[in-house]
């Protein structure tokens, strides 16, 4: 397998409704991971609480940076996570459709 100069890793937050249950995850393939969450196979937690709305994400080149950020966010107070989401997505829009259309044109 050839080494790539750049690879995308994502830290993301899912919810079921604005200010609802939050899930923070990390992945090397956001397209596949979101599709799995949407059909209820992403994780037991996301399936149980029907977490299918992508409300926040960050992109990283290195997996270690993504994992470190995921751990950092998981240790934050709930209010801090909500503030982080609302800084870039004040209306709690589902960013997945927008992100999907951006990545499909490449």
Protein backbone atom coordinates (compact mmCIF):
# COMPACT_ATOMS: atom_id res chain seq x y z
CA UNK A 1 0.00 0.00 0.00
CA UNK A 2 1.38 3.39 -1.00
CA UNK A 3 1.89 6.06 1.63
CA UNK A 4 -0.26 9.12 1.13
CA UNK A 5 1.15 12.56 1.74
CA UNK A 6 -2.15 13.65 3.26
CA UNK A 7 -5.03 11.78 4.81
CA UNK A 8 -8.20 13.18 6.33
CA UNK A 9 -9.23 12.31 9.87
CA UNK A 10 -12.32 13.76 11.41
CA UNK A 11 -13.54 14.52 14.92
CA UNK A 12 -17.29 14.99 14.84
CA UNK A 13 -20.30 15.57 17.04
CA UNK A 14 -23.69 13.98 16.42
CA UNK A 15 -27.02 14.70 18.07
CA UNK A 16 -30.68 13.76 17.71
CA UNK A 17 -32.03 17.33 18.10
CA UNK A 18 -30.74 20.79 19.03
CA UNK A 19 -29.15 20.60 22.49
CA UNK A 20 -30.06 16.91 22.65
CA UNK A 21 -27.86 13.93 23.40
CA UNK A 22 -24.31 14.45 22.12
CA UNK A 23 -21.86 11.90 20.72
CA UNK A 24 -18.23 12.67 19.92
CA UNK A 25 -16.36 10.38 17.56
CA UNK A 26 -13.24 10.17 15.41
CA UNK A 27 -12.90 8.53 12.02
CA UNK A 28 -10.65 8.24 9.01
CA UNK A 29 -13.64 8.04 6.67
CA UNK A 30 -16.45 10.47 7.38
CA UNK A 31 -18.58 9.33 4.42
CA UNK A 32 -18.70 5.69 5.46
CA UNK A 33 -18.99 6.50 9.15
CA UNK A 34 -21.96 8.83 8.67
CA UNK A 35 -23.72 6.31 6.44
CA UNK A 36 -23.28 3.70 9.17
CA UNK A 37 -24.65 6.08 11.83
CA UNK A 38 -27.65 6.93 9.64
CA UNK A 39 -28.62 3.27 9.20
CA UNK A 40 -28.08 2.60 12.91
CA UNK A 41 -24.82 0.65 12.69
CA UNK A 42 -22.38 3.39 13.77
CA UNK A 43 -22.30 2.41 17.43
CA UNK A 44 -24.68 1.03 20.05
CA UNK A 45 -24.88 4.44 21.73
CA UNK A 46 -25.73 6.38 18.56
CA UNK A 47 -28.21 3.71 17.52
CA UNK A 48 -29.93 3.69 20.94
CA UNK A 49 -30.39 7.47 21.01
CA UNK A 50 -30.95 7.86 17.23
CA UNK A 51 -28.03 10.26 16.83
CA UNK A 52 -27.92 11.01 13.09
CA UNK A 53 -27.42 14.78 12.84
CA UNK A 54 -23.85 15.92 12.21
CA UNK A 55 -23.68 19.30 13.96
CA UNK A 56 -19.92 19.82 14.27
CA UNK A 57 -16.70 18.50 12.76
CA UNK A 58 -13.00 19.24 12.57
CA UNK A 59 -10.55 17.85 10.02
CA UNK A 60 -7.01 16.69 10.79
CA UNK A 61 -4.07 15.45 8.76
CA UNK A 62 -2.65 13.21 11.50
CA UNK A 63 -4.61 10.56 13.36
CA UNK A 64 -2.82 11.28 16.65
CA UNK A 65 -4.01 14.90 16.52
CA UNK A 66 -7.58 13.79 15.83
CA UNK A 67 -7.55 11.28 18.70
CA UNK A 68 -6.10 13.87 21.08
CA UNK A 69 -8.83 16.36 20.12
CA UNK A 70 -11.56 13.73 20.53
CA UNK A 71 -10.30 12.93 24.03
CA UNK A 72 -10.12 16.63 24.86
CA UNK A 73 -13.70 17.27 23.74
CA UNK A 74 -15.01 14.21 25.57
CA UNK A 75 -13.60 15.64 28.79
CA UNK A 76 -15.28 19.02 28.31
CA UNK A 77 -18.38 20.05 30.23
CA UNK A 78 -21.60 19.74 28.26
CA UNK A 79 -22.06 23.53 28.19
CA UNK A 80 -18.62 23.96 26.57
CA UNK A 81 -19.54 21.42 23.85
CA UNK A 82 -22.81 23.24 23.17
CA UNK A 83 -20.96 26.56 22.94
CA UNK A 84 -18.45 25.02 20.52
CA UNK A 85 -21.25 23.78 18.26
CA UNK A 86 -23.14 27.06 18.39
CA UNK A 87 -20.03 29.12 17.45
CA UNK A 88 -20.01 27.59 13.97
CA UNK A 89 -23.55 26.16 13.72
CA UNK A 90 -25.90 28.39 15.78
CA UNK A 91 -29.06 26.86 14.26
CA UNK A 92 -27.94 23.27 14.84
CA UNK A 93 -28.28 22.43 11.14
CA UNK A 94 -27.45 18.93 9.96
CA UNK A 95 -24.09 19.53 8.29
CA UNK A 96 -23.93 16.07 6.78
CA UNK A 97 -25.90 16.92 3.63
CA UNK A 98 -23.72 19.97 2.99
CA UNK A 99 -20.54 18.04 3.66
CA UNK A 100 -21.74 15.14 1.49
CA UNK A 101 -22.37 17.44 -1.47
CA UNK A 102 -18.94 19.04 -1.05
CA UNK A 103 -17.07 15.75 -0.97
CA UNK A 104 -19.03 14.15 -3.81
CA UNK A 105 -17.92 16.83 -6.27
CA UNK A 106 -14.22 16.04 -5.82
